[in-house]
Amino acid sequence: MSELWQHTKLIRSKNAGPFELTFDIMFKDREGFDLVQRSGRLSPESISRLYGVPVGQVKFFVLKDLLAIKFSIPRAAFSGDVNDTDAYGGQFHGPLTTLKID
């Protein structure tokens, strides 16, 4: 079993406006991309569980030609709110890095 970070060259999160976060996952090669896709471990449903948002609010895009996956979710607190923990959204990707891949 491996972790997602082992198959990627970039995993990042950032603001997609004040009310959403967007995540970019860029793979090292086709082999890693295909392995993660076959595992089913990275999907709108898994993102919903991982980040505690309704699956219907997960915008999920697989970019096969670019060996990338992109998704967006609503922020729990809008950027700059007193309850916001990361105004730029740059630290929300942490849980993705250790996602187990079968």
N, C-alpha and C. Protein backbone atom coordinates (compact mmCIF):
# COMPACT_ATOMS: atom_id res chain seq x y z
N MET A 1 0.85 -1.18 0.00
CA MET A 1 0.00 0.00 0.00
C MET A 1 0.90 1.24 0.00
N SER A 2 0.50 2.23 -0.76
CA SER A 2 1.28 3.47 -0.84
C SER A 2 0.40 4.65 -0.41
N GLU A 3 0.98 5.82 -0.39
CA GLU A 3 0.25 7.05 -0.09
C GLU A 3 0.26 7.94 -1.33
N LEU A 4 -0.75 8.79 -1.42
CA LEU A 4 -0.92 9.61 -2.62
C LEU A 4 0.33 10.40 -2.97
N TRP A 5 1.00 10.99 -2.00
CA TRP A 5 2.17 11.83 -2.27
C TRP A 5 3.25 11.09 -3.06
N GLN A 6 3.32 9.78 -2.90
CA GLN A 6 4.36 9.00 -3.57
C GLN A 6 4.17 8.94 -5.09
N HIS A 7 2.99 9.27 -5.57
CA HIS A 7 2.69 9.19 -7.00
C HIS A 7 2.59 10.56 -7.66
N THR A 8 2.78 11.61 -6.88
CA THR A 8 2.55 12.96 -7.39
C THR A 8 3.81 13.80 -7.39
N LYS A 9 3.78 14.85 -8.21
CA LYS A 9 4.83 15.85 -8.14
C LYS A 9 4.32 17.12 -7.47
N LEU A 10 2.99 17.25 -7.33
CA LEU A 10 2.42 18.43 -6.68
C LEU A 10 1.05 18.10 -6.12
N ILE A 11 0.83 18.46 -4.86
CA ILE A 11 -0.48 18.45 -4.24
C ILE A 11 -0.60 19.80 -3.55
N ARG A 12 -1.61 20.59 -3.93
CA ARG A 12 -1.74 21.92 -3.32
C ARG A 12 -3.20 22.30 -3.17
N SER A 13 -3.42 23.22 -2.26
CA SER A 13 -4.74 23.82 -2.08
C SER A 13 -4.57 25.33 -2.10
N LYS A 14 -5.64 26.02 -2.49
CA LYS A 14 -5.61 27.47 -2.51
C LYS A 14 -7.04 28.00 -2.60
N ASN A 15 -7.19 29.28 -2.38
CA ASN A 15 -8.49 29.90 -2.50
C ASN A 15 -8.99 29.83 -3.93
N ALA A 16 -10.30 29.66 -4.05
CA ALA A 16 -10.99 29.81 -5.33
C ALA A 16 -12.06 30.86 -5.06
N GLY A 17 -11.61 32.04 -4.64
CA GLY A 17 -12.52 33.07 -4.16
C GLY A 17 -12.66 32.91 -2.65
N PRO A 18 -13.39 33.79 -2.00
CA PRO A 18 -13.47 33.77 -0.54
C PRO A 18 -14.31 32.63 0.04
N PHE A 19 -15.09 31.95 -0.79
CA PHE A 19 -16.03 30.94 -0.28
C PHE A 19 -15.71 29.52 -0.69
N GLU A 20 -14.68 29.32 -1.51
CA GLU A 20 -14.32 27.98 -1.96
C GLU A 20 -12.82 27.76 -1.89
N LEU A 21 -12.45 26.48 -1.77
CA LEU A 21 -11.06 26.05 -1.87
C LEU A 21 -10.93 25.19 -3.11
N THR A 22 -9.80 25.28 -3.77
CA THR A 22 -9.54 24.41 -4.91
C THR A 22 -8.25 23.64 -4.64
N PHE A 23 -8.22 22.43 -5.12
CA PHE A 23 -7.10 21.52 -4.90
C PHE A 23 -6.59 21.04 -6.25
N ASP A 24 -5.28 20.97 -6.39
CA ASP A 24 -4.64 20.47 -7.60
C ASP A 24 -3.75 19.29 -7.22
N ILE A 25 -3.91 18.21 -7.95
CA ILE A 25 -3.07 17.02 -7.76
C ILE A 25 -2.47 16.69 -9.12
N MET A 26 -1.16 16.81 -9.20
CA MET A 26 -0.46 16.57 -10.47
C MET A 26 0.47 15.37 -10.29
N PHE A 27 0.34 14.42 -11.18
CA PHE A 27 1.05 13.14 -11.05
C PHE A 27 2.39 13.16 -11.78
N LYS A 28 3.31 12.32 -11.27
CA LYS A 28 4.65 12.20 -11.85
C LYS A 28 4.61 11.54 -13.23
N ASP A 29 3.75 10.55 -13.36
CA ASP A 29 3.72 9.77 -14.61
C ASP A 29 2.37 9.09 -14.79
N ARG A 30 2.17 8.53 -15.96
CA ARG A 30 0.91 7.86 -16.30
C ARG A 30 0.66 6.67 -15.38
N GLU A 31 1.70 5.95 -15.04
CA GLU A 31 1.56 4.77 -14.19
C GLU A 31 0.93 5.12 -12.84
N GLY A 32 1.44 6.16 -12.19
CA GLY A 32 0.89 6.58 -10.90
C GLY A 32 -0.52 7.11 -11.03
N PHE A 33 -0.77 7.89 -12.07
CA PHE A 33 -2.10 8.42 -12.34
C PHE A 33 -3.10 7.28 -12.50
N ASP A 34 -2.75 6.31 -13.34
CA ASP A 34 -3.65 5.18 -13.59
C ASP A 34 -3.87 4.34 -12.34
N LEU A 35 -2.82 4.13 -11.55
CA LEU A 35 -2.94 3.36 -10.31
C LEU A 35 -3.94 4.01 -9.37
N VAL A 36 -3.81 5.32 -9.18
CA VAL A 36 -4.72 6.04 -8.29
C VAL A 36 -6.15 6.00 -8.83
N GLN A 37 -6.31 6.16 -10.12
CA GLN A 37 -7.64 6.09 -10.73
C GLN A 37 -8.27 4.71 -10.52
N ARG A 38 -7.51 3.65 -10.75
CA ARG A 38 -8.03 2.28 -10.58
C ARG A 38 -8.39 1.99 -9.13
N SER A 39 -7.66 2.59 -8.19
CA SER A 39 -7.89 2.31 -6.77
C SER A 39 -9.25 2.83 -6.30
N GLY A 40 -9.76 3.87 -6.95
CA GLY A 40 -11.02 4.46 -6.52
C GLY A 40 -10.92 5.26 -5.24
N ARG A 41 -9.71 5.44 -4.74
CA ARG A 41 -9.50 6.14 -3.46
C ARG A 41 -9.61 7.65 -3.57
N LEU A 42 -9.56 8.17 -4.78
CA LEU A 42 -9.66 9.61 -4.99
C LEU A 42 -10.88 9.85 -5.88
N SER A 43 -11.96 10.27 -5.24
CA SER A 43 -13.24 10.42 -5.92
C SER A 43 -14.05 11.51 -5.21
N PRO A 44 -15.13 11.97 -5.80
CA PRO A 44 -15.98 12.94 -5.09
C PRO A 44 -16.45 12.40 -3.74
N GLU A 45 -16.74 11.11 -3.68
CA GLU A 45 -17.20 10.51 -2.42
C GLU A 45 -16.10 10.51 -1.35
N SER A 46 -14.88 10.17 -1.75
CA SER A 46 -13.79 10.15 -0.76
C SER A 46 -13.44 11.57 -0.30
N ILE A 47 -13.53 12.53 -1.21
CA ILE A 47 -13.27 13.93 -0.83
C ILE A 47 -14.36 14.41 0.13
N SER A 48 -15.60 14.02 -0.14
CA SER A 48 -16.72 14.37 0.74
C SER A 48 -16.47 13.87 2.16
N ARG A 49 -16.04 12.62 2.28
CA ARG A 49 -15.76 12.05 3.60
C ARG A 49 -14.55 12.72 4.25
N LEU A 50 -13.50 12.90 3.49
CA LEU A 50 -12.25 13.45 4.03
C LEU A 50 -12.41 14.87 4.55
N TYR A 51 -13.19 15.69 3.84
CA TYR A 51 -13.34 17.09 4.21
C TYR A 51 -14.69 17.44 4.84
N GLY A 52 -15.56 16.44 5.00
CA GLY A 52 -16.82 16.65 5.68
C GLY A 52 -17.78 17.59 4.97
N VAL A 53 -17.81 17.50 3.65
CA VAL A 53 -18.75 18.31 2.87
C VAL A 53 -19.68 17.38 2.10
N PRO A 54 -20.91 17.81 1.82
CA PRO A 54 -21.81 16.96 1.05
C PRO A 54 -21.23 16.66 -0.33
N VAL A 55 -21.39 15.41 -0.77
CA VAL A 55 -20.82 15.00 -2.05
C VAL A 55 -21.32 15.88 -3.20
N GLY A 56 -22.52 16.39 -3.10
CA GLY A 56 -23.07 17.25 -4.14
C GLY A 56 -22.38 18.60 -4.25
N GLN A 57 -21.58 18.95 -3.24
CA GLN A 57 -20.85 20.22 -3.27
C GLN A 57 -19.39 20.05 -3.69
N VAL A 58 -19.00 18.83 -4.04
CA VAL A 58 -17.64 18.57 -4.51
C VAL A 58 -17.63 18.69 -6.03
N LYS A 59 -16.86 19.65 -6.54
CA LYS A 59 -16.67 19.80 -7.99
C LYS A 59 -15.37 19.07 -8.31
N PHE A 60 -15.44 18.01 -9.10
CA PHE A 60 -14.33 17.09 -9.29
C PHE A 60 -14.03 16.92 -10.78
N PHE A 61 -12.77 17.12 -11.15
CA PHE A 61 -12.37 17.06 -12.55
C PHE A 61 -11.14 16.18 -12.72
N VAL A 62 -11.22 15.22 -13.63
CA VAL A 62 -10.08 14.36 -13.97
C VAL A 62 -9.57 14.84 -15.32
N LEU A 63 -8.31 15.26 -15.36
CA LEU A 63 -7.69 15.78 -16.57
C LEU A 63 -6.65 14.77 -17.06
N LYS A 64 -7.12 13.77 -17.78
CA LYS A 64 -6.27 12.63 -18.18
C LYS A 64 -5.05 13.06 -18.99
N ASP A 65 -5.24 13.95 -19.93
CA ASP A 65 -4.12 14.36 -20.78
C ASP A 65 -3.05 15.12 -20.01
N LEU A 66 -3.44 15.73 -18.90
CA LEU A 66 -2.49 16.50 -18.08
C LEU A 66 -1.99 15.71 -16.88
N LEU A 67 -2.47 14.48 -16.72
CA LEU A 67 -2.13 13.64 -15.56
C LEU A 67 -2.42 14.41 -14.27
N ALA A 68 -3.62 14.96 -14.18
CA ALA A 68 -3.98 15.79 -13.04
C ALA A 68 -5.43 15.57 -12.63
N ILE A 69 -5.69 15.86 -11.38
CA ILE A 69 -7.04 15.88 -10.83
C ILE A 69 -7.20 17.20 -10.10
N LYS A 70 -8.35 17.81 -10.29
CA LYS A 70 -8.64 19.09 -9.65
C LYS A 70 -10.01 18.97 -9.02
N PHE A 71 -10.16 19.51 -7.82
CA PHE A 71 -11.49 19.57 -7.23
C PHE A 71 -11.62 20.83 -6.38
N SER A 72 -12.86 21.24 -6.19
CA SER A 72 -13.17 22.41 -5.36
C SER A 72 -14.25 22.03 -4.38
N ILE A 73 -14.16 22.62 -3.18
CA ILE A 73 -15.16 22.41 -2.13
C ILE A 73 -15.45 23.75 -1.47
N PRO A 74 -16.61 23.88 -0.84
CA PRO A 74 -16.88 25.12 -0.11
C PRO A 74 -16.00 25.21 1.14
N ARG A 75 -15.63 26.42 1.50
CA ARG A 75 -14.88 26.65 2.73
C ARG A 75 -15.81 26.56 3.92
N ALA A 76 -15.34 26.02 5.04
CA ALA A 76 -16.13 25.97 6.28
C ALA A 76 -16.37 27.38 6.81
N ALA A 77 -15.37 28.24 6.69
CA ALA A 77 -15.47 29.66 7.08
C ALA A 77 -14.88 30.45 5.92
N PHE A 78 -15.54 31.52 5.52
CA PHE A 78 -15.02 32.26 4.38
C PHE A 78 -13.69 32.91 4.70
N SER A 79 -12.91 33.13 3.68
CA SER A 79 -11.57 33.69 3.82
C SER A 79 -11.63 35.03 4.54
N GLY A 80 -10.88 35.13 5.61
CA GLY A 80 -10.82 36.36 6.39
C GLY A 80 -11.80 36.41 7.55
N ASP A 81 -12.70 35.44 7.63
CA ASP A 81 -13.65 35.38 8.74
C ASP A 81 -12.89 35.14 10.05
N VAL A 82 -13.45 35.56 11.16
CA VAL A 82 -12.80 35.38 12.45
C VAL A 82 -12.53 33.89 12.74
N ASN A 83 -13.32 32.99 12.18
CA ASN A 83 -13.13 31.54 12.37
C ASN A 83 -12.25 30.89 11.31
N ASP A 84 -11.75 31.67 10.39
CA ASP A 84 -10.90 31.15 9.32
C ASP A 84 -9.53 30.78 9.89
N THR A 85 -9.03 29.61 9.52
CA THR A 85 -7.73 29.15 10.02
C THR A 85 -6.60 29.33 9.01
N ASP A 86 -6.94 29.67 7.76
CA ASP A 86 -5.94 29.82 6.71
C ASP A 86 -6.51 30.73 5.62
N ALA A 87 -6.23 32.00 5.71
CA ALA A 87 -6.83 33.00 4.81
C ALA A 87 -6.56 32.73 3.34
N TYR A 88 -5.43 32.11 3.02
CA TYR A 88 -5.08 31.86 1.62
C TYR A 88 -5.43 30.45 1.14
N GLY A 89 -5.85 29.60 2.06
CA GLY A 89 -6.25 28.25 1.68
C GLY A 89 -5.10 27.33 1.34
N GLY A 90 -3.89 27.70 1.69
CA GLY A 90 -2.71 26.95 1.27
C GLY A 90 -2.34 25.77 2.14
N GLN A 91 -3.09 25.50 3.22
CA GLN A 91 -2.71 24.41 4.10
C GLN A 91 -3.78 23.33 4.23
N PHE A 92 -4.79 23.37 3.40
CA PHE A 92 -5.88 22.40 3.50
C PHE A 92 -5.59 21.09 2.77
N HIS A 93 -4.51 21.02 2.02
CA HIS A 93 -4.20 19.82 1.26
C HIS A 93 -3.56 18.71 2.10
N GLY A 94 -3.20 19.01 3.33
CA GLY A 94 -2.50 18.05 4.18
C GLY A 94 -3.11 16.66 4.24
N PRO A 95 -4.42 16.52 4.50
CA PRO A 95 -5.00 15.18 4.58
C PRO A 95 -4.88 14.37 3.29
N LEU A 96 -4.77 15.03 2.17
CA LEU A 96 -4.64 14.31 0.90
C LEU A 96 -3.31 13.60 0.76
N THR A 97 -2.27 14.18 1.31
CA THR A 97 -0.92 13.64 1.09
C THR A 97 -0.78 12.22 1.56
N THR A 98 -1.45 11.87 2.66
CA THR A 98 -1.30 10.53 3.23
C THR A 98 -2.49 9.62 2.90
N LEU A 99 -3.30 9.99 1.92
CA LEU A 99 -4.41 9.16 1.48
C LEU A 99 -3.86 7.82 1.01
N LYS A 100 -4.34 6.73 1.57
CA LYS A 100 -3.85 5.38 1.25
C LYS A 100 -4.37 4.96 -0.13
N ILE A 101 -3.46 4.44 -0.94
CA ILE A 101 -3.77 3.95 -2.28
C ILE A 101 -3.52 2.45 -2.31
N ASP A 102 -4.53 1.65 -2.65
CA ASP A 102 -4.40 0.18 -2.69
C ASP A 102 -3.78 -0.25 -4.01
